[in-house]
C-alpha cells in the first residue's frame, strides 16, 4: 500500500508542477506581448515627434533689434 500511496502523491505533485509551469509560461507570454505593444507604441511616438516640422516665416515679420551706436 505504501508504494501505491507514494506513487499517487508523486503523480499529484508532478501534475501540480506541470500546471504551475504552464501557468508561468502563459503569464510570461502575456507579459512579452504587452512589452512588444509598448515598444511599438514608443517607436510610433518617437517617429511622430520627429515628423513635426518647424515652419519659419518667409518674410521678416519680426522687427530688428535696435543697434547700438557704440562700437565694441
Protein backbone atom coordinates (compact mmCIF):
# COMPACT_ATOMS: atom_id res chain seq x y z
CA UNK A 1 0.00 0.00 0.00
CA UNK A 2 2.83 2.39 0.77
CA UNK A 3 4.07 2.01 -2.76
CA UNK A 4 0.70 2.89 -4.30
CA UNK A 5 0.26 5.87 -1.98
CA UNK A 6 3.72 7.23 -2.75
CA UNK A 7 3.08 6.83 -6.49
CA UNK A 8 -0.19 8.73 -6.17
CA UNK A 9 1.50 11.53 -4.23
CA UNK A 10 4.27 11.68 -6.84
CA UNK A 11 1.75 11.81 -9.72
CA UNK A 12 -0.23 14.57 -7.98
CA UNK A 13 2.95 16.58 -7.34
CA UNK A 14 4.05 16.08 -10.95
CA UNK A 15 0.70 17.25 -12.31
CA UNK A 16 0.68 20.24 -9.96
CA UNK A 17 4.21 21.17 -11.02
CA UNK A 18 3.35 20.87 -14.70
CA UNK A 19 0.30 23.07 -14.18
CA UNK A 20 2.41 25.67 -12.37
CA UNK A 21 5.00 25.70 -15.15
CA UNK A 22 2.27 26.05 -17.77
CA UNK A 23 0.70 28.94 -15.89
CA UNK A 24 4.08 30.68 -15.55
CA UNK A 25 4.82 30.29 -19.26
CA UNK A 26 1.36 31.58 -20.16
CA UNK A 27 1.93 34.60 -17.93
CA UNK A 28 5.35 35.29 -19.41
CA UNK A 29 3.95 35.12 -22.93
CA UNK A 30 1.33 37.69 -21.94
CA UNK A 31 4.00 39.95 -20.44
CA UNK A 32 6.11 39.58 -23.59
CA UNK A 33 3.17 40.57 -25.80
CA UNK A 34 2.48 43.61 -23.61
CA UNK A 35 6.15 44.66 -23.81
CA UNK A 36 6.09 44.33 -27.59
CA UNK A 37 2.97 46.52 -27.79
CA UNK A 38 4.60 49.11 -25.55
CA UNK A 39 7.78 49.11 -27.64
CA UNK A 40 5.83 49.60 -30.86
CA UNK A 41 3.82 52.43 -29.31
CA UNK A 42 7.01 54.12 -28.11
CA UNK A 43 8.58 53.85 -31.55
CA UNK A 44 5.50 55.34 -33.19
CA UNK A 45 5.54 58.22 -30.71
CA UNK A 46 9.20 58.96 -31.43
CA UNK A 47 8.55 58.86 -35.16
CA UNK A 48 5.59 61.24 -34.80
CA UNK A 49 7.69 63.67 -32.74
CA UNK A 50 10.42 63.64 -35.37
CA UNK A 51 7.89 64.25 -38.14
CA UNK A 52 6.88 67.60 -36.68
CA UNK A 53 8.36 70.43 -38.71
CA UNK A 54 9.04 73.97 -37.64
CA UNK A 55 7.59 76.44 -40.09
CA UNK A 56 9.59 79.63 -40.35
CA UNK A 57 8.01 82.81 -41.64
CA UNK A 58 9.00 83.74 -45.19
CA UNK A 59 9.06 87.46 -44.62
CA UNK A 60 10.77 89.49 -41.95
CA UNK A 61 7.79 89.81 -39.62
CA UNK A 62 9.86 90.49 -36.53
CA UNK A 63 11.24 93.98 -36.01
CA UNK A 64 15.01 94.19 -35.94
CA UNK A 65 16.66 94.80 -32.61
CA UNK A 66 17.87 98.38 -32.25
CA UNK A 67 21.58 98.68 -32.96
CA UNK A 68 23.87 100.38 -30.56
CA UNK A 69 25.85 103.36 -31.89
CA UNK A 70 28.85 102.39 -29.82
CA UNK A 71 31.47 100.08 -31.23
CA UNK A 72 32.71 97.22 -29.15
